[in-house]
Protein backbone atom coordinates (compact mmCIF):
# COMPACT_ATOMS: atom_id res chain seq x y z
CA UNK A 1 0.00 0.00 0.00
CA UNK A 2 1.66 3.20 -1.15
CA UNK A 3 1.62 6.10 1.29
CA UNK A 4 -0.79 8.84 0.34
CA UNK A 5 0.66 12.27 -0.40
CA UNK A 6 0.31 14.86 2.34
CA UNK A 7 -1.80 17.13 0.13
CA UNK A 8 -4.23 14.25 -0.52
CA UNK A 9 -4.44 13.56 3.21
CA UNK A 10 -5.15 17.23 3.94
CA UNK A 11 -7.80 17.32 1.21
CA UNK A 12 -9.55 14.23 2.63
CA UNK A 13 -9.51 15.72 6.13
CA UNK A 14 -11.08 18.90 4.73
CA UNK A 15 -13.70 16.86 2.84
CA UNK A 16 -14.59 15.10 6.12
CA UNK A 17 -14.89 18.38 8.05
CA UNK A 18 -16.89 20.04 5.24
CA UNK A 19 -19.30 17.10 5.12
CA UNK A 20 -19.88 17.24 8.88
CA UNK A 21 -20.36 21.02 8.81
CA UNK A 22 -22.85 20.79 5.92
CA UNK A 23 -24.80 18.10 7.77
CA UNK A 24 -24.87 20.22 10.94
CA UNK A 25 -26.38 23.07 8.92
CA UNK A 26 -28.84 20.70 7.19
CA UNK A 27 -27.23 21.20 3.80
CA UNK A 28 -27.33 18.07 1.64
CA UNK A 29 -25.86 16.30 -0.23
CA UNK A 30 -22.44 16.05 1.39
CA UNK A 31 -20.78 14.24 -1.51
CA UNK A 32 -17.63 15.96 -2.87
CA UNK A 33 -17.34 16.89 -6.54
CA UNK A 34 -15.24 14.03 -7.88
CA UNK A 35 -14.48 15.74 -11.19
CA UNK A 36 -12.41 18.36 -9.35
CA UNK A 37 -10.38 15.87 -7.29
CA UNK A 38 -7.06 14.10 -7.98
CA UNK A 39 -7.32 10.59 -9.43
CA UNK A 40 -5.99 9.06 -6.17
CA UNK A 41 -9.09 10.31 -4.32
CA UNK A 42 -11.39 8.71 -6.88
CA UNK A 43 -10.02 5.19 -6.29
CA UNK A 44 -12.34 2.66 -4.67
CA UNK A 45 -11.02 2.35 -1.11
CA UNK A 46 -12.47 1.26 2.23
CA UNK A 47 -12.11 3.68 5.13
CA UNK A 48 -12.89 4.30 8.77
CA UNK A 49 -13.34 7.78 10.18
CA UNK A 50 -12.64 8.18 13.90
CA UNK A 51 -13.60 11.34 15.74
CA UNK A 52 -12.42 12.53 19.13
CA UNK A 53 -13.33 15.48 21.35
CA UNK A 54 -10.82 16.34 24.07
CA UNK A 55 -8.91 13.13 23.22
CA UNK A 56 -11.98 10.99 23.95
CA UNK A 57 -13.68 8.85 21.33
CA UNK A 58 -16.71 10.68 19.89
CA UNK A 59 -17.56 8.37 16.99
CA UNK A 60 -16.07 5.82 14.62
CA UNK A 61 -17.72 4.42 11.52
CA UNK A 62 -16.29 2.71 8.48
CA UNK A 63 -16.53 0.08 5.81
CA UNK A 64 -14.29 -2.97 5.37
CA UNK A 65 -14.95 -3.30 1.66
CA UNK A 66 -14.59 -0.50 -0.86
CA UNK A 67 -17.97 0.48 -2.30
CA UNK A 68 -17.47 4.16 -3.21
CA UNK A 69 -14.64 6.40 -4.42
CA UNK A 70 -12.30 7.32 -1.55
CA UNK A 71 -13.44 10.96 -1.24
CA UNK A 72 -17.12 9.96 -1.15
CA UNK A 73 -16.40 7.19 1.35
CA UNK A 74 -14.62 9.61 3.67
CA UNK A 75 -17.46 12.16 3.47
CA UNK A 76 -20.08 9.48 4.16
CA UNK A 77 -18.18 7.87 7.05
CA UNK A 78 -17.38 11.26 8.60
CA UNK A 79 -21.08 12.11 8.74
CA UNK A 80 -22.00 8.65 9.98
CA UNK A 81 -19.39 8.84 12.77
CA UNK A 82 -20.63 12.30 13.78
CA UNK A 83 -24.36 11.66 13.64
CA UNK A 84 -25.13 7.92 13.43
CA UNK A 85 -22.73 6.08 15.74
CA UNK A 86 -25.22 4.39 18.11
CA UNK A 87 -22.83 4.75 21.05
CA UNK A 88 -23.12 8.55 21.03
CA UNK A 89 -25.66 11.33 20.64
CA UNK A 90 -25.39 13.29 17.38
CA UNK A 91 -22.53 15.79 17.26
CA UNK A 92 -23.41 19.38 18.16
CA UNK A 93 -22.15 22.69 16.77
CA UNK A 94 -20.34 23.35 20.08
CA UNK A 95 -18.39 20.08 19.74
CA UNK A 96 -17.35 20.77 16.14
CA UNK A 97 -14.70 23.28 17.23
CA UNK A 98 -12.91 20.67 19.38
CA UNK A 99 -13.41 17.77 16.97
CA UNK A 100 -10.30 15.87 15.88
CA UNK A 101 -10.84 13.80 12.75
CA UNK A 102 -8.69 10.78 11.97
CA UNK A 103 -8.98 8.80 8.75
CA UNK A 104 -7.90 5.21 8.22
CA UNK A 105 -7.56 4.06 4.60
CA UNK A 106 -7.60 0.27 4.42
CA UNK A 107 -5.88 -2.15 2.09
CA UNK A 108 -8.08 -4.87 0.59
CA UNK A 109 -8.53 -7.70 3.14
CA UNK A 110 -6.79 -11.02 2.50
CA UNK A 111 -7.87 -14.27 4.08
CA UNK A 112 -5.45 -15.97 6.48
CA UNK A 113 -5.14 -19.76 6.12
CA UNK A 114 -4.71 -21.49 9.47
CA UNK A 115 -5.25 -24.92 11.02
CA UNK A 116 -5.96 -23.96 14.64
CA UNK A 117 -6.27 -20.99 16.98
CA UNK A 118 -2.58 -21.37 17.89
CA UNK A 119 -1.66 -21.37 14.19
CA UNK A 120 -3.74 -18.23 13.63
CA UNK A 121 -2.06 -16.49 16.57
CA UNK A 122 1.36 -17.43 15.17
CA UNK A 123 0.42 -15.92 11.79
CA UNK A 124 -0.89 -12.58 13.07
CA UNK A 125 1.40 -9.60 12.81
CA UNK A 126 0.92 -7.35 15.85
CA UNK A 127 0.84 -3.62 15.06
CA UNK A 128 0.72 -4.34 11.30
CA UNK A 129 -2.50 -6.33 10.87
CA UNK A 130 -6.05 -5.24 11.29
CA UNK A 131 -8.17 -8.36 11.62
CA UNK A 132 -11.69 -9.29 10.57
CA UNK A 133 -13.17 -12.35 12.27
CA UNK A 134 -16.25 -14.03 10.77
CA UNK A 135 -18.31 -16.91 12.10
CA UNK A 136 -21.54 -17.38 10.19
CA UNK A 137 -23.34 -14.03 10.26
CA UNK A 138 -21.29 -12.77 13.21
CA UNK A 139 -18.44 -10.44 12.35
CA UNK A 140 -16.02 -8.13 14.13
CA UNK A 141 -12.93 -6.12 13.25
CA UNK A 142 -10.12 -4.30 14.98
CA UNK A 143 -8.02 -1.75 13.14
CA UNK A 144 -4.24 -2.21 13.46
CA UNK A 145 -4.10 0.68 15.97
CA UNK A 146 -5.99 -1.49 18.49
CA UNK A 147 -2.71 -3.36 19.04
CA UNK A 148 -1.66 -0.30 21.08
CA UNK A 149 -4.35 -1.18 23.63
CA UNK A 150 -4.20 -4.99 23.25
CA UNK A 151 -0.56 -5.89 22.41
CA UNK A 152 -0.85 -9.59 23.29
CA UNK A 153 -2.13 -11.61 20.27
CA UNK A 154 -4.19 -13.93 22.49
CA UNK A 155 -5.84 -11.01 24.24
CA UNK A 156 -6.37 -9.24 20.91
CA UNK A 157 -8.15 -12.30 19.50
CA UNK A 158 -10.24 -12.81 22.66
CA UNK A 159 -11.51 -9.21 22.51
CA UNK A 160 -12.12 -9.52 18.77
CA UNK A 161 -14.28 -12.61 19.39
CA UNK A 162 -16.28 -10.62 21.94
CA UNK A 163 -16.73 -7.78 19.45
CA UNK A 164 -18.11 -10.32 16.98
CA UNK A 165 -20.55 -11.54 19.66
CA UNK A 166 -18.72 -14.78 20.43
CA UNK A 167 -17.66 -16.12 23.86
CA UNK A 168 -13.97 -15.59 24.76
CA UNK A 169 -13.05 -19.29 24.57
CA UNK A 170 -15.04 -19.95 21.40
CA UNK A 171 -13.34 -21.80 18.56
CA UNK A 172 -14.66 -23.50 15.45
CA UNK A 173 -13.23 -24.89 12.23
CA UNK A 174 -15.58 -22.58 10.32
CA UNK A 175 -14.11 -19.32 11.67
CA UNK A 176 -12.66 -17.17 8.92
CA UNK A 177 -10.09 -14.44 9.57
CA UNK A 178 -8.86 -11.77 7.18
CA UNK A 179 -6.01 -9.30 7.58
CA UNK A 180 -5.58 -5.80 6.22
CA UNK A 181 -3.29 -2.81 6.70
CA UNK A 182 -4.31 0.77 7.35
CA UNK A 183 -2.78 4.13 6.61
CA UNK A 184 -3.71 6.63 9.33
CA UNK A 185 -3.80 10.36 9.10
CA UNK A 186 -3.17 12.54 10.74
CA UNK A 187 -0.96 10.30 12.89
CA UNK A 188 -1.87 10.15 16.56
CA UNK A 189 -0.08 12.78 18.61
């Protein structure tokens, strides 16, 4: 995954903030004009947008599969994180001034082949891999930055199972796990 140019990162951060501001003022649609954007921002890419106020999580929404051009995906996920994250009330105008926006651009997920839970743990790459765990219709993901909070692979996997709605000790031969990388900007201070 090639690193995105700084000017593209800044443009995506501005697109996210503009989308949120337009939504706050009930101005729709929030989709950026693709014709005016660099080709890199028109690529189909999956993203997560994380928002913090006073260094505390305020919303995080994203997609694991690319379904829109990057600029549109960022605008949509920025608004969803601000106004639709079920863990939080919708963002207010007063919070907008203190809002820090962080964007994660994901690589396409690749399935990990493994024979057991121990084999899976041996094949994970702490700090590098974001993981998606699927069991039937249950699914959970952790971005690579979650390794900062859960550096032990066993603990990481246990919490990922819980996020997917599975018991901590659960294991099955039908579990599927995918890995992906993420480019974050701006980097955490």
